[in-house]
Amino acid sequence: SFSPLILVQPLGAVALVVTAVLNSRVARVTLNR
């Protein structure tokens, strides 16, 4: 409602990094290279 779609939508990519770290800790799985 404040910002253009093209500016807001890609910021969801931050969720990928957070989820990867969170899932690695919760599932006790070390991400490989």
mmCIF file of all heavy atoms, coordinates in Angstrom:
data_MODEL
# 
_entry.id   MODEL 
# 
loop_
_atom_site.group_PDB 
_atom_site.id 
_atom_site.type_symbol 
_atom_site.label_atom_id 
_atom_site.label_alt_id 
_atom_site.label_comp_id 
_atom_site.label_asym_id 
_atom_site.label_entity_id 
_atom_site.label_seq_id 
_atom_site.pdbx_PDB_ins_code 
_atom_site.Cartn_x 
_atom_site.Cartn_y 
_atom_site.Cartn_z 
_atom_site.occupancy 
_atom_site.B_iso_or_equiv 
_atom_site.pdbx_formal_charge 
_atom_site.auth_seq_id 
_atom_site.auth_comp_id 
_atom_site.auth_asym_id 
_atom_site.auth_atom_id 
_atom_site.pdbx_PDB_model_num 
ATOM 1   N N   . SER A 1 1  ? 0.824  -1.210  0.000   1.00 0.00 ? 1  SER A N   1 
ATOM 2   C CA  . SER A 1 1  ? 0.000  0.000   0.000   1.00 0.00 ? 1  SER A CA  1 
ATOM 3   C C   . SER A 1 1  ? 0.857  1.259   0.000   1.00 0.00 ? 1  SER A C   1 
ATOM 4   O O   . SER A 1 1  ? 0.393  2.338   -0.360  1.00 0.00 ? 1  SER A O   1 
ATOM 5   C CB  . SER A 1 1  ? -0.936 0.005   1.216   1.00 0.00 ? 1  SER A CB  1 
ATOM 6   O OG  . SER A 1 1  ? -0.204 0.138   2.417   1.00 0.00 ? 1  SER A OG  1 
ATOM 7   N N   . PHE A 1 2  ? 2.135  1.122   0.400   1.00 0.00 ? 2  PHE A N   1 
ATOM 8   C CA  . PHE A 1 2  ? 3.041  2.264   0.420   1.00 0.00 ? 2  PHE A CA  1 
ATOM 9   C C   . PHE A 1 2  ? 4.018  2.264   -0.754  1.00 0.00 ? 2  PHE A C   1 
ATOM 10  O O   . PHE A 1 2  ? 4.358  3.316   -1.295  1.00 0.00 ? 2  PHE A O   1 
ATOM 11  C CB  . PHE A 1 2  ? 3.863  2.272   1.720   1.00 0.00 ? 2  PHE A CB  1 
ATOM 12  C CG  . PHE A 1 2  ? 3.097  2.669   2.942   1.00 0.00 ? 2  PHE A CG  1 
ATOM 13  C CD1 . PHE A 1 2  ? 2.657  1.711   3.837   1.00 0.00 ? 2  PHE A CD1 1 
ATOM 14  C CD2 . PHE A 1 2  ? 2.799  4.004   3.187   1.00 0.00 ? 2  PHE A CD2 1 
ATOM 15  C CE1 . PHE A 1 2  ? 1.944  2.071   4.973   1.00 0.00 ? 2  PHE A CE1 1 
ATOM 16  C CE2 . PHE A 1 2  ? 2.085  4.375   4.326   1.00 0.00 ? 2  PHE A CE2 1 
ATOM 17  C CZ  . PHE A 1 2  ? 1.660  3.413   5.216   1.00 0.00 ? 2  PHE A CZ  1 
ATOM 18  N N   . SER A 1 3  ? 4.473  1.076   -1.131  1.00 0.00 ? 3  SER A N   1 
ATOM 19  C CA  . SER A 1 3  ? 5.584  0.968   -2.076  1.00 0.00 ? 3  SER A CA  1 
ATOM 20  C C   . SER A 1 3  ? 5.202  0.174   -3.318  1.00 0.00 ? 3  SER A C   1 
ATOM 21  O O   . SER A 1 3  ? 4.282  -0.653  -3.273  1.00 0.00 ? 3  SER A O   1 
ATOM 22  C CB  . SER A 1 3  ? 6.788  0.296   -1.389  1.00 0.00 ? 3  SER A CB  1 
ATOM 23  O OG  . SER A 1 3  ? 7.138  0.970   -0.199  1.00 0.00 ? 3  SER A OG  1 
ATOM 24  N N   . PRO A 1 4  ? 5.932  0.398   -4.425  1.00 0.00 ? 4  PRO A N   1 
ATOM 25  C CA  . PRO A 1 4  ? 5.674  -0.350  -5.660  1.00 0.00 ? 4  PRO A CA  1 
ATOM 26  C C   . PRO A 1 4  ? 5.938  -1.843  -5.476  1.00 0.00 ? 4  PRO A C   1 
ATOM 27  O O   . PRO A 1 4  ? 6.797  -2.249  -4.691  1.00 0.00 ? 4  PRO A O   1 
ATOM 28  C CB  . PRO A 1 4  ? 6.680  0.259   -6.656  1.00 0.00 ? 4  PRO A CB  1 
ATOM 29  C CG  . PRO A 1 4  ? 7.024  1.596   -6.094  1.00 0.00 ? 4  PRO A CG  1 
ATOM 30  C CD  . PRO A 1 4  ? 6.972  1.429   -4.606  1.00 0.00 ? 4  PRO A CD  1 
ATOM 31  N N   . LEU A 1 5  ? 5.199  -2.654  -6.214  1.00 0.00 ? 5  LEU A N   1 
ATOM 32  C CA  . LEU A 1 5  ? 5.350  -4.105  -6.150  1.00 0.00 ? 5  LEU A CA  1 
ATOM 33  C C   . LEU A 1 5  ? 6.779  -4.531  -6.429  1.00 0.00 ? 5  LEU A C   1 
ATOM 34  O O   . LEU A 1 5  ? 7.333  -5.402  -5.757  1.00 0.00 ? 5  LEU A O   1 
ATOM 35  C CB  . LEU A 1 5  ? 4.395  -4.752  -7.162  1.00 0.00 ? 5  LEU A CB  1 
ATOM 36  C CG  . LEU A 1 5  ? 4.515  -6.260  -7.373  1.00 0.00 ? 5  LEU A CG  1 
ATOM 37  C CD1 . LEU A 1 5  ? 4.079  -6.989  -6.118  1.00 0.00 ? 5  LEU A CD1 1 
ATOM 38  C CD2 . LEU A 1 5  ? 3.685  -6.703  -8.570  1.00 0.00 ? 5  LEU A CD2 1 
ATOM 39  N N   . ILE A 1 6  ? 7.395  -3.904  -7.389  1.00 0.00 ? 6  ILE A N   1 
ATOM 40  C CA  . ILE A 1 6  ? 8.724  -4.313  -7.840  1.00 0.00 ? 6  ILE A CA  1 
ATOM 41  C C   . ILE A 1 6  ? 9.798  -4.013  -6.797  1.00 0.00 ? 6  ILE A C   1 
ATOM 42  O O   . ILE A 1 6  ? 10.890 -4.565  -6.831  1.00 0.00 ? 6  ILE A O   1 
ATOM 43  C CB  . ILE A 1 6  ? 9.049  -3.615  -9.184  1.00 0.00 ? 6  ILE A CB  1 
ATOM 44  C CG1 . ILE A 1 6  ? 10.056 -4.433  -9.972  1.00 0.00 ? 6  ILE A CG1 1 
ATOM 45  C CG2 . ILE A 1 6  ? 9.516  -2.194  -8.965  1.00 0.00 ? 6  ILE A CG2 1 
ATOM 46  C CD1 . ILE A 1 6  ? 10.223 -3.970  -11.388 1.00 0.00 ? 6  ILE A CD1 1 
ATOM 47  N N   . LEU A 1 7  ? 9.493  -3.116  -5.831  1.00 0.00 ? 7  LEU A N   1 
ATOM 48  C CA  . LEU A 1 7  ? 10.425 -2.821  -4.751  1.00 0.00 ? 7  LEU A CA  1 
ATOM 49  C C   . LEU A 1 7  ? 10.198 -3.746  -3.563  1.00 0.00 ? 7  LEU A C   1 
ATOM 50  O O   . LEU A 1 7  ? 11.144 -4.209  -2.932  1.00 0.00 ? 7  LEU A O   1 
ATOM 51  C CB  . LEU A 1 7  ? 10.263 -1.362  -4.303  1.00 0.00 ? 7  LEU A CB  1 
ATOM 52  C CG  . LEU A 1 7  ? 11.095 -0.932  -3.082  1.00 0.00 ? 7  LEU A CG  1 
ATOM 53  C CD1 . LEU A 1 7  ? 12.580 -1.026  -3.402  1.00 0.00 ? 7  LEU A CD1 1 
ATOM 54  C CD2 . LEU A 1 7  ? 10.726 0.486   -2.666  1.00 0.00 ? 7  LEU A CD2 1 
ATOM 55  N N   . VAL A 1 8  ? 8.944  -4.043  -3.265  1.00 0.00 ? 8  VAL A N   1 
ATOM 56  C CA  . VAL A 1 8  ? 8.595  -4.828  -2.081  1.00 0.00 ? 8  VAL A CA  1 
ATOM 57  C C   . VAL A 1 8  ? 8.789  -6.325  -2.292  1.00 0.00 ? 8  VAL A C   1 
ATOM 58  O O   . VAL A 1 8  ? 9.329  -7.025  -1.432  1.00 0.00 ? 8  VAL A O   1 
ATOM 59  C CB  . VAL A 1 8  ? 7.135  -4.543  -1.675  1.00 0.00 ? 8  VAL A CB  1 
ATOM 60  C CG1 . VAL A 1 8  ? 6.677  -5.523  -0.610  1.00 0.00 ? 8  VAL A CG1 1 
ATOM 61  C CG2 . VAL A 1 8  ? 7.000  -3.108  -1.192  1.00 0.00 ? 8  VAL A CG2 1 
ATOM 62  N N   . GLN A 1 9  ? 8.353  -6.828  -3.435  1.00 0.00 ? 9  GLN A N   1 
ATOM 63  C CA  . GLN A 1 9  ? 8.310  -8.270  -3.667  1.00 0.00 ? 9  GLN A CA  1 
ATOM 64  C C   . GLN A 1 9  ? 9.660  -8.966  -3.509  1.00 0.00 ? 9  GLN A C   1 
ATOM 65  O O   . GLN A 1 9  ? 9.737  -10.031 -2.901  1.00 0.00 ? 9  GLN A O   1 
ATOM 66  C CB  . GLN A 1 9  ? 7.725  -8.543  -5.054  1.00 0.00 ? 9  GLN A CB  1 
ATOM 67  C CG  . GLN A 1 9  ? 7.203  -9.951  -5.237  1.00 0.00 ? 9  GLN A CG  1 
ATOM 68  C CD  . GLN A 1 9  ? 5.991  -10.239 -4.358  1.00 0.00 ? 9  GLN A CD  1 
ATOM 69  O OE1 . GLN A 1 9  ? 5.455  -9.353  -3.731  1.00 0.00 ? 9  GLN A OE1 1 
ATOM 70  N NE2 . GLN A 1 9  ? 5.586  -11.491 -4.314  1.00 0.00 ? 9  GLN A NE2 1 
ATOM 71  N N   . PRO A 1 10 ? 10.753 -8.411  -4.037  1.00 0.00 ? 10 PRO A N   1 
ATOM 72  C CA  . PRO A 1 10 ? 12.031 -9.121  -3.936  1.00 0.00 ? 10 PRO A CA  1 
ATOM 73  C C   . PRO A 1 10 ? 12.602 -9.210  -2.534  1.00 0.00 ? 10 PRO A C   1 
ATOM 74  O O   . PRO A 1 10 ? 13.457 -10.033 -2.267  1.00 0.00 ? 10 PRO A O   1 
ATOM 75  C CB  . PRO A 1 10 ? 12.955 -8.305  -4.836  1.00 0.00 ? 10 PRO A CB  1 
ATOM 76  C CG  . PRO A 1 10 ? 12.380 -6.947  -4.816  1.00 0.00 ? 10 PRO A CG  1 
ATOM 77  C CD  . PRO A 1 10 ? 10.913 -7.152  -4.794  1.00 0.00 ? 10 PRO A CD  1 
ATOM 78  N N   . LEU A 1 11 ? 12.132 -8.349  -1.617  1.00 0.00 ? 11 LEU A N   1 
ATOM 79  C CA  . LEU A 1 11 ? 12.667 -8.371  -0.265  1.00 0.00 ? 11 LEU A CA  1 
ATOM 80  C C   . LEU A 1 11 ? 12.336 -9.677  0.439   1.00 0.00 ? 11 LEU A C   1 
ATOM 81  O O   . LEU A 1 11 ? 12.921 -10.003 1.473   1.00 0.00 ? 11 LEU A O   1 
ATOM 82  C CB  . LEU A 1 11 ? 12.114 -7.184  0.529   1.00 0.00 ? 11 LEU A CB  1 
ATOM 83  C CG  . LEU A 1 11 ? 12.556 -5.807  0.029   1.00 0.00 ? 11 LEU A CG  1 
ATOM 84  C CD1 . LEU A 1 11 ? 11.906 -4.699  0.844   1.00 0.00 ? 11 LEU A CD1 1 
ATOM 85  C CD2 . LEU A 1 11 ? 14.074 -5.677  0.074   1.00 0.00 ? 11 LEU A CD2 1 
ATOM 86  N N   . GLY A 1 12 ? 11.393 -10.431 -0.128  1.00 0.00 ? 12 GLY A N   1 
ATOM 87  C CA  . GLY A 1 12 ? 11.090 -11.751 0.424   1.00 0.00 ? 12 GLY A CA  1 
ATOM 88  C C   . GLY A 1 12 ? 12.277 -12.691 0.361   1.00 0.00 ? 12 GLY A C   1 
ATOM 89  O O   . GLY A 1 12 ? 12.311 -13.704 1.071   1.00 0.00 ? 12 GLY A O   1 
ATOM 90  N N   . ALA A 1 13 ? 13.259 -12.367 -0.477  1.00 0.00 ? 13 ALA A N   1 
ATOM 91  C CA  . ALA A 1 13 ? 14.451 -13.209 -0.576  1.00 0.00 ? 13 ALA A CA  1 
ATOM 92  C C   . ALA A 1 13 ? 15.202 -13.257 0.753   1.00 0.00 ? 13 ALA A C   1 
ATOM 93  O O   . ALA A 1 13 ? 15.943 -14.211 1.019   1.00 0.00 ? 13 ALA A O   1 
ATOM 94  C CB  . ALA A 1 13 ? 15.373 -12.690 -1.682  1.00 0.00 ? 13 ALA A CB  1 
ATOM 95  N N   . VAL A 1 14 ? 15.000 -12.250 1.594   1.00 0.00 ? 14 VAL A N   1 
ATOM 96  C CA  . VAL A 1 14 ? 15.607 -12.255 2.925   1.00 0.00 ? 14 VAL A CA  1 
ATOM 97  C C   . VAL A 1 14 ? 15.127 -13.479 3.701   1.00 0.00 ? 14 VAL A C   1 
ATOM 98  O O   . VAL A 1 14 ? 15.857 -14.052 4.514   1.00 0.00 ? 14 VAL A O   1 
ATOM 99  C CB  . VAL A 1 14 ? 15.249 -10.955 3.682   1.00 0.00 ? 14 VAL A CB  1 
ATOM 100 C CG1 . VAL A 1 14 ? 15.728 -11.012 5.126   1.00 0.00 ? 14 VAL A CG1 1 
ATOM 101 C CG2 . VAL A 1 14 ? 15.852 -9.747  2.968   1.00 0.00 ? 14 VAL A CG2 1 
ATOM 102 N N   . ALA A 1 15 ? 13.877 -13.880 3.447   1.00 0.00 ? 15 ALA A N   1 
ATOM 103 C CA  . ALA A 1 15 ? 13.309 -15.041 4.134   1.00 0.00 ? 15 ALA A CA  1 
ATOM 104 C C   . ALA A 1 15 ? 14.113 -16.304 3.848   1.00 0.00 ? 15 ALA A C   1 
ATOM 105 O O   . ALA A 1 15 ? 14.195 -17.194 4.704   1.00 0.00 ? 15 ALA A O   1 
ATOM 106 C CB  . ALA A 1 15 ? 11.855 -15.242 3.709   1.00 0.00 ? 15 ALA A CB  1 
ATOM 107 N N   . LEU A 1 16 ? 14.696 -16.397 2.664   1.00 0.00 ? 16 LEU A N   1 
ATOM 108 C CA  . LEU A 1 16 ? 15.472 -17.583 2.309   1.00 0.00 ? 16 LEU A CA  1 
ATOM 109 C C   . LEU A 1 16 ? 16.676 -17.738 3.224   1.00 0.00 ? 16 LEU A C   1 
ATOM 110 O O   . LEU A 1 16 ? 16.945 -18.826 3.750   1.00 0.00 ? 16 LEU A O   1 
ATOM 111 C CB  . LEU A 1 16 ? 15.923 -17.495 0.846   1.00 0.00 ? 16 LEU A CB  1 
ATOM 112 C CG  . LEU A 1 16 ? 16.940 -18.537 0.377   1.00 0.00 ? 16 LEU A CG  1 
ATOM 113 C CD1 . LEU A 1 16 ? 16.395 -19.941 0.613   1.00 0.00 ? 16 LEU A CD1 1 
ATOM 114 C CD2 . LEU A 1 16 ? 17.281 -18.316 -1.084  1.00 0.00 ? 16 LEU A CD2 1 
ATOM 115 N N   . VAL A 1 17 ? 17.408 -16.651 3.419   1.00 0.00 ? 17 VAL A N   1 
ATOM 116 C CA  . VAL A 1 17 ? 18.599 -16.700 4.264   1.00 0.00 ? 17 VAL A CA  1 
ATOM 117 C C   . VAL A 1 17 ? 18.216 -17.011 5.708   1.00 0.00 ? 17 VAL A C   1 
ATOM 118 O O   . VAL A 1 17 ? 18.831 -17.860 6.364   1.00 0.00 ? 17 VAL A O   1 
ATOM 119 C CB  . VAL A 1 17 ? 19.365 -15.366 4.194   1.00 0.00 ? 17 VAL A CB  1 
ATOM 120 C CG1 . VAL A 1 17 ? 20.593 -15.406 5.101   1.00 0.00 ? 17 VAL A CG1 1 
ATOM 121 C CG2 . VAL A 1 17 ? 19.783 -15.059 2.758   1.00 0.00 ? 17 VAL A CG2 1 
ATOM 122 N N   . VAL A 1 18 ? 17.176 -16.326 6.218   1.00 0.00 ? 18 VAL A N   1 
ATOM 123 C CA  . VAL A 1 18 ? 16.729 -16.561 7.598   1.00 0.00 ? 18 VAL A CA  1 
ATOM 124 C C   . VAL A 1 18 ? 16.258 -18.000 7.772   1.00 0.00 ? 18 VAL A C   1 
ATOM 125 O O   . VAL A 1 18 ? 16.587 -18.663 8.761   1.00 0.00 ? 18 VAL A O   1 
ATOM 126 C CB  . VAL A 1 18 ? 15.596 -15.574 7.970   1.00 0.00 ? 18 VAL A CB  1 
ATOM 127 C CG1 . VAL A 1 18 ? 15.070 -15.879 9.369   1.00 0.00 ? 18 VAL A CG1 1 
ATOM 128 C CG2 . VAL A 1 18 ? 16.096 -14.142 7.899   1.00 0.00 ? 18 VAL A CG2 1 
ATOM 129 N N   . THR A 1 19 ? 15.488 -18.493 6.801   1.00 0.00 ? 19 THR A N   1 
ATOM 130 C CA  . THR A 1 19 ? 14.961 -19.858 6.898   1.00 0.00 ? 19 THR A CA  1 
ATOM 131 C C   . THR A 1 19 ? 16.080 -20.886 6.855   1.00 0.00 ? 19 THR A C   1 
ATOM 132 O O   . THR A 1 19 ? 16.035 -21.897 7.572   1.00 0.00 ? 19 THR A O   1 
ATOM 133 C CB  . THR A 1 19 ? 13.967 -20.138 5.750   1.00 0.00 ? 19 THR A CB  1 
ATOM 134 O OG1 . THR A 1 19 ? 12.940 -19.160 5.768   1.00 0.00 ? 19 THR A OG1 1 
ATOM 135 C CG2 . THR A 1 19 ? 13.340 -21.517 5.900   1.00 0.00 ? 19 THR A CG2 1 
ATOM 136 N N   . ALA A 1 20 ? 17.082 -20.657 6.020   1.00 0.00 ? 20 ALA A N   1 
ATOM 137 C CA  . ALA A 1 20 ? 18.200 -21.599 5.917   1.00 0.00 ? 20 ALA A CA  1 
ATOM 138 C C   . ALA A 1 20 ? 18.941 -21.706 7.246   1.00 0.00 ? 20 ALA A C   1 
ATOM 139 O O   . ALA A 1 20 ? 19.262 -22.813 7.709   1.00 0.00 ? 20 ALA A O   1 
ATOM 140 C CB  . ALA A 1 20 ? 19.157 -21.151 4.811   1.00 0.00 ? 20 ALA A CB  1 
ATOM 141 N N   . VAL A 1 21 ? 19.205 -20.563 7.867   1.00 0.00 ? 21 VAL A N   1 
ATOM 142 C CA  . VAL A 1 21 ? 19.895 -20.568 9.161   1.00 0.00 ? 21 VAL A CA  1 
ATOM 143 C C   . VAL A 1 21 ? 19.019 -21.205 10.233  1.00 0.00 ? 21 VAL A C   1 
ATOM 144 O O   . VAL A 1 21 ? 19.473 -22.038 11.033  1.00 0.00 ? 21 VAL A O   1 
ATOM 145 C CB  . VAL A 1 21 ? 20.277 -19.133 9.568   1.00 0.00 ? 21 VAL A CB  1 
ATOM 146 C CG1 . VAL A 1 21 ? 20.880 -19.122 10.979  1.00 0.00 ? 21 VAL A CG1 1 
ATOM 147 C CG2 . VAL A 1 21 ? 21.269 -18.539 8.574   1.00 0.00 ? 21 VAL A CG2 1 
ATOM 148 N N   . LEU A 1 22 ? 17.738 -20.821 10.250  1.00 0.00 ? 22 LEU A N   1 
ATOM 149 C CA  . LEU A 1 22 ? 16.810 -21.332 11.261  1.00 0.00 ? 22 LEU A CA  1 
ATOM 150 C C   . LEU A 1 22 ? 16.632 -22.839 11.135  1.00 0.00 ? 22 LEU A C   1 
ATOM 151 O O   . LEU A 1 22 ? 16.691 -23.579 12.128  1.00 0.00 ? 22 LEU A O   1 
ATOM 152 C CB  . LEU A 1 22 ? 15.464 -20.619 11.112  1.00 0.00 ? 22 LEU A CB  1 
ATOM 153 C CG  . LEU A 1 22 ? 14.372 -20.978 12.125  1.00 0.00 ? 22 LEU A CG  1 
ATOM 154 C CD1 . LEU A 1 22 ? 14.807 -20.595 13.522  1.00 0.00 ? 22 LEU A CD1 1 
ATOM 155 C CD2 . LEU A 1 22 ? 13.065 -20.271 11.759  1.00 0.00 ? 22 LEU A CD2 1 
ATOM 156 N N   . ASN A 1 23 ? 16.415 -23.315 9.906   1.00 0.00 ? 23 ASN A N   1 
ATOM 157 C CA  . ASN A 1 23 ? 16.200 -24.743 9.708   1.00 0.00 ? 23 ASN A CA  1 
ATOM 158 C C   . ASN A 1 23 ? 17.450 -25.547 10.040  1.00 0.00 ? 23 ASN A C   1 
ATOM 159 O O   . ASN A 1 23 ? 17.366 -26.659 10.574  1.00 0.00 ? 23 ASN A O   1 
ATOM 160 C CB  . ASN A 1 23 ? 15.795 -25.020 8.261   1.00 0.00 ? 23 ASN A CB  1 
ATOM 161 C CG  . ASN A 1 23 ? 15.489 -26.478 8.016   1.00 0.00 ? 23 ASN A CG  1 
ATOM 162 O OD1 . ASN A 1 23 ? 14.570 -27.034 8.585   1.00 0.00 ? 23 ASN A OD1 1 
ATOM 163 N ND2 . ASN A 1 23 ? 16.293 -27.116 7.160   1.00 0.00 ? 23 ASN A ND2 1 
ATOM 164 N N   . SER A 1 24 ? 18.605 -24.981 9.746   1.00 0.00 ? 24 SER A N   1 
ATOM 165 C CA  . SER A 1 24 ? 19.856 -25.666 10.052  1.00 0.00 ? 24 SER A CA  1 
ATOM 166 C C   . SER A 1 24 ? 20.003 -25.887 11.554  1.00 0.00 ? 24 SER A C   1 
ATOM 167 O O   . SER A 1 24 ? 20.456 -26.946 12.002  1.00 0.00 ? 24 SER A O   1 
ATOM 168 C CB  . SER A 1 24 ? 21.040 -24.847 9.521   1.00 0.00 ? 24 SER A CB  1 
ATOM 169 O OG  . SER A 1 24 ? 22.269 -25.473 9.848   1.00 0.00 ? 24 SER A OG  1 
ATOM 170 N N   . ARG A 1 25 ? 19.579 -24.896 12.345  1.00 0.00 ? 25 ARG A N   1 
ATOM 171 C CA  . ARG A 1 25 ? 19.684 -25.014 13.798  1.00 0.00 ? 25 ARG A CA  1 
ATOM 172 C C   . ARG A 1 25 ? 18.613 -25.941 14.362  1.00 0.00 ? 25 ARG A C   1 
ATOM 173 O O   . ARG A 1 25 ? 18.889 -26.787 15.222  1.00 0.00 ? 25 ARG A O   1 
ATOM 174 C CB  . ARG A 1 25 ? 19.578 -23.632 14.440  1.00 0.00 ? 25 ARG A CB  1 
ATOM 175 C CG  . ARG A 1 25 ? 20.775 -22.727 14.151  1.00 0.00 ? 25 ARG A CG  1 
ATOM 176 C CD  . ARG A 1 25 ? 20.615 -21.367 14.804  1.00 0.00 ? 25 ARG A CD  1 
ATOM 177 N NE  . ARG A 1 25 ? 21.763 -20.519 14.561  1.00 0.00 ? 25 ARG A NE  1 
ATOM 178 C CZ  . ARG A 1 25 ? 22.874 -20.535 15.299  1.00 0.00 ? 25 ARG A CZ  1 
ATOM 179 N NH1 . ARG A 1 25 ? 22.970 -21.361 16.324  1.00 0.00 ? 25 ARG A NH1 1 
ATOM 180 N NH2 . ARG A 1 25 ? 23.872 -19.718 15.024  1.00 0.00 ? 25 ARG A NH2 1 
ATOM 181 N N   . VAL A 1 26 ? 17.371 -25.771 13.883  1.00 0.00 ? 26 VAL A N   1 
ATOM 182 C CA  . VAL A 1 26 ? 16.262 -26.569 14.410  1.00 0.00 ? 26 VAL A CA  1 
ATOM 183 C C   . VAL A 1 26 ? 16.443 -28.046 14.056  1.00 0.00 ? 26 VAL A C   1 
ATOM 184 O O   . VAL A 1 26 ? 16.257 -28.929 14.908  1.00 0.00 ? 26 VAL A O   1 
ATOM 185 C CB  . VAL A 1 26 ? 14.919 -26.051 13.868  1.00 0.00 ? 26 VAL A CB  1 
ATOM 186 C CG1 . VAL A 1 26 ? 13.780 -27.002 14.241  1.00 0.00 ? 26 VAL A CG1 1 
ATOM 187 C CG2 . VAL A 1 26 ? 14.630 -24.657 14.413  1.00 0.00 ? 26 VAL A CG2 1 
ATOM 188 N N   . ALA A 1 27 ? 16.764 -28.328 12.791  1.00 0.00 ? 27 ALA A N   1 
ATOM 189 C CA  . ALA A 1 27 ? 16.902 -29.714 12.338  1.00 0.00 ? 27 ALA A CA  1 
ATOM 190 C C   . ALA A 1 27 ? 18.282 -30.288 12.641  1.00 0.00 ? 27 ALA A C   1 
ATOM 191 O O   . ALA A 1 27 ? 18.517 -31.477 12.418  1.00 0.00 ? 27 ALA A O   1 
ATOM 192 C CB  . ALA A 1 27 ? 16.641 -29.796 10.833  1.00 0.00 ? 27 ALA A CB  1 
ATOM 193 N N   . ARG A 1 28 ? 19.173 -29.429 13.147  1.00 0.00 ? 28 ARG A N   1 
ATOM 194 C CA  . ARG A 1 28 ? 20.548 -29.853 13.451  1.00 0.00 ? 28 ARG A CA  1 
ATOM 195 C C   . ARG A 1 28 ? 21.209 -30.487 12.235  1.00 0.00 ? 28 ARG A C   1 
ATOM 196 O O   . ARG A 1 28 ? 21.835 -31.551 12.316  1.00 0.00 ? 28 ARG A O   1 
ATOM 197 C CB  . ARG A 1 28 ? 20.548 -30.823 14.638  1.00 0.00 ? 28 ARG A CB  1 
ATOM 198 C CG  . ARG A 1 28 ? 20.031 -30.185 15.928  1.00 0.00 ? 28 ARG A CG  1 
ATOM 199 C CD  . ARG A 1 28 ? 20.052 -31.157 17.087  1.00 0.00 ? 28 ARG A CD  1 
ATOM 200 N NE  . ARG A 1 28 ? 19.543 -30.523 18.301  1.00 0.00 ? 28 ARG A NE  1 
ATOM 201 C CZ  . ARG A 1 28 ? 19.431 -31.154 19.473  1.00 0.00 ? 28 ARG A CZ  1 
ATOM 202 N NH1 . ARG A 1 28 ? 19.760 -32.436 19.569  1.00 0.00 ? 28 ARG A NH1 1 
ATOM 203 N NH2 . ARG A 1 28 ? 18.960 -30.509 20.518  1.00 0.00 ? 28 ARG A NH2 1 
ATOM 204 N N   . VAL A 1 29 ? 21.033 -29.807 11.135  1.00 0.00 ? 29 VAL A N   1 
ATOM 205 C CA  . VAL A 1 29 ? 21.621 -30.255 9.866   1.00 0.00 ? 29 VAL A CA  1 
ATOM 206 C C   . VAL A 1 29 ? 22.569 -29.175 9.367   1.00 0.00 ? 29 VAL A C   1 
ATOM 207 O O   . VAL A 1 29 ? 22.195 -28.009 9.268   1.00 0.00 ? 29 VAL A O   1 
ATOM 208 C CB  . VAL A 1 29 ? 20.532 -30.524 8.809   1.00 0.00 ? 29 VAL A CB  1 
ATOM 209 C CG1 . VAL A 1 29 ? 21.166 -30.829 7.459   1.00 0.00 ? 29 VAL A CG1 1 
ATOM 210 C CG2 . VAL A 1 29 ? 19.638 -31.668 9.249   1.00 0.00 ? 29 VAL A CG2 1 
ATOM 211 N N   . THR A 1 30 ? 23.783 -29.563 9.073   1.00 0.00 ? 30 THR A N   1 
ATOM 212 C CA  . THR A 1 30 ? 24.761 -28.611 8.564   1.00 0.00 ? 30 THR A CA  1 
ATOM 213 C C   . THR A 1 30 ? 24.660 -28.548 7.044   1.00 0.00 ? 30 THR A C   1 
ATOM 214 O O   . THR A 1 30 ? 24.761 -29.574 6.363   1.00 0.00 ? 30 THR A O   1 
ATOM 215 C CB  . THR A 1 30 ? 26.192 -29.034 8.956   1.00 0.00 ? 30 THR A CB  1 
ATOM 216 O OG1 . THR A 1 30 ? 26.284 -29.103 10.384  1.00 0.00 ? 30 THR A OG1 1 
ATOM 217 C CG2 . THR A 1 30 ? 27.204 -28.018 8.425   1.00 0.00 ? 30 THR A CG2 1 
ATOM 218 N N   . LEU A 1 31 ? 24.422 -27.355 6.542   1.00 0.00 ? 31 LEU A N   1 
ATOM 219 C CA  . LEU A 1 31 ? 24.331 -27.197 5.094   1.00 0.00 ? 31 LEU A CA  1 
ATOM 220 C C   . LEU A 1 31 ? 25.685 -27.445 4.451   1.00 0.00 ? 31 LEU A C   1 
ATOM 221 O O   . LEU A 1 31 ? 26.708 -26.925 4.910   1.00 0.00 ? 31 LEU A O   1 
ATOM 222 C CB  . LEU A 1 31 ? 23.841 -25.784 4.742   1.00 0.00 ? 31 LEU A CB  1 
ATOM 223 C CG  . LEU A 1 31 ? 22.387 -25.448 5.084   1.00 0.00 ? 31 LEU A CG  1 
ATOM 224 C CD1 . LEU A 1 31 ? 22.108 -23.989 4.774   1.00 0.00 ? 31 LEU A CD1 1 
ATOM 225 C CD2 . LEU A 1 31 ? 21.443 -26.343 4.295   1.00 0.00 ? 31 LEU A CD2 1 
ATOM 226 N N   . ASN A 1 32 ? 25.699 -28.230 3.387   1.00 0.00 ? 32 ASN A N   1 
ATOM 227 C CA  . ASN A 1 32 ? 26.945 -28.477 2.694   1.00 0.00 ? 32 ASN A CA  1 
ATOM 228 C C   . ASN A 1 32 ? 27.301 -27.289 1.795   1.00 0.00 ? 32 ASN A C   1 
ATOM 229 O O   . ASN A 1 32 ? 26.520 -26.350 1.626   1.00 0.00 ? 32 ASN A O   1 
ATOM 230 C CB  . ASN A 1 32 ? 26.858 -29.778 1.870   1.00 0.00 ? 32 ASN A CB  1 
ATOM 231 C CG  . ASN A 1 32 ? 25.621 -29.808 0.984   1.00 0.00 ? 32 ASN A CG  1 
ATOM 232 O OD1 . ASN A 1 32 ? 25.250 -28.807 0.385   1.00 0.00 ? 32 ASN A OD1 1 
ATOM 233 N ND2 . ASN A 1 32 ? 24.984 -30.968 0.910   1.00 0.00 ? 32 ASN A ND2 1 
ATOM 234 N N   . ARG A 1 33 ? 28.487 -27.348 1.233   1.00 0.00 ? 33 ARG A N   1 
ATOM 235 C CA  . ARG A 1 33 ? 28.984 -26.226 0.434   1.00 0.00 ? 33 ARG A CA  1 
ATOM 236 C C   . ARG A 1 33 ? 28.097 -25.977 -0.778  1.00 0.00 ? 33 ARG A C   1 
ATOM 237 O O   . ARG A 1 33 ? 27.807 -24.822 -1.116  1.00 0.00 ? 33 ARG A O   1 
ATOM 238 C CB  . ARG A 1 33 ? 30.420 -26.507 -0.009  1.00 0.00 ? 33 ARG A CB  1 
ATOM 239 C CG  . ARG A 1 33 ? 31.063 -25.360 -0.802  1.00 0.00 ? 33 ARG A CG  1 
ATOM 240 C CD  . ARG A 1 33 ? 32.552 -25.639 -1.020  1.00 0.00 ? 33 ARG A CD  1 
ATOM 241 N NE  . ARG A 1 33 ? 33.168 -24.575 -1.770  1.00 0.00 ? 33 ARG A NE  1 
ATOM 242 C CZ  . ARG A 1 33 ? 33.243 -24.533 -3.092  1.00 0.00 ? 33 ARG A CZ  1 
ATOM 243 N NH1 . ARG A 1 33 ? 32.692 -25.524 -3.803  1.00 0.00 ? 33 ARG A NH1 1 
ATOM 244 N NH2 . ARG A 1 33 ? 33.832 -23.530 -3.709  1.00 0.00 ? 33 ARG A NH2 1 
# 
